[in-house]
Structures are given as C-alpha cells and as structure tokens.
Amino acid sequence: MAERPILLYDGDCGFCTQAVNIAVRLLDPDAVITPWQYADLDALGVTSERADREVLWIEPGSADVHGGAEAVTQLLKQSPRRRWRLAGKAMTLPPISWIARLVYRVVALNRHRLPGGTVACSLPAHLRSAERDGA
C-alpha cells in the first residue's frame, strides 16, 4: 500500500487529464496521481464503476475513500501552498461544500462537452473500448 495519498482520475477523459495536470502544476501535491485504469482497484478498495464516475482520494492506511468534490477538497488541503489549503478547508464548510458538490456533479455529467472532452467521456468505461473498436 502507498505511503502517500492517492488521487485516481479517469485517464481516458481528456478533460479530466487536463484538469489533473493543471492541479498538479498549481498545487504541487505530495500524492500519487494516477489514472484509475492503471491502479490496482481491488487493493485500494474501490470499484471501477465508482472510479469511472468520480475522482477519488485515498488516504494511506485508511479505509476512507473520498469521491467527487470531497476528493478535490482533500487534494487542496494536502497542498504545501497555504492558499490552497485554506481553500480546501473552506470547501468543508456549508454552504460552500454544498455548492462544491453541485458544481462537481454538473462538471462530471458534462465533461464530454468541456475542453478536451470527447463523446467517449460520456460513456461508461466498459463501453469505451467497444466504441474504439467500432462495435
């Protein structure tokens, strides 16, 4: 098991990949950042269905898995940069936490329409390979 937190994202989604690359550049997190498609999901205690649906934050040695806006909150709170840690702490407080969950959900449902996204991003992972193969 990893000694650093793990952030899993959808590596098949261009929008998700771009967003993670920007977050890494801005936040400089001390975390393992990897597409869920290359992670040992069983060892991490998550399903491919959940990993396909939302970004996931997994703390080392913990059974807790934070998904969606909560994963983004954890990523921000882990940054060595104070302003991002403060933003992450603010995202734990209502009504900011409610707004963050709503915004995350809207973005996740529309990622295929956002810059870098493709029609494949709107499909569940198990159907993406069929689309690529022309099935």
Foldseek 3Di string as FASTA:
>chain_A
DDQFKEKEAAPVFQLGVVVVVVLCVVQVAPYHYYHPVPDPCVVLVDDLQQRLQFIWIGHPPDNDIDTFLLNCLVSQCRGPDPVSVVVSVVCVDPPNVVVRRVVRNVCQCCSLVDVRHNPLSNDRPVCSVVVVVVD
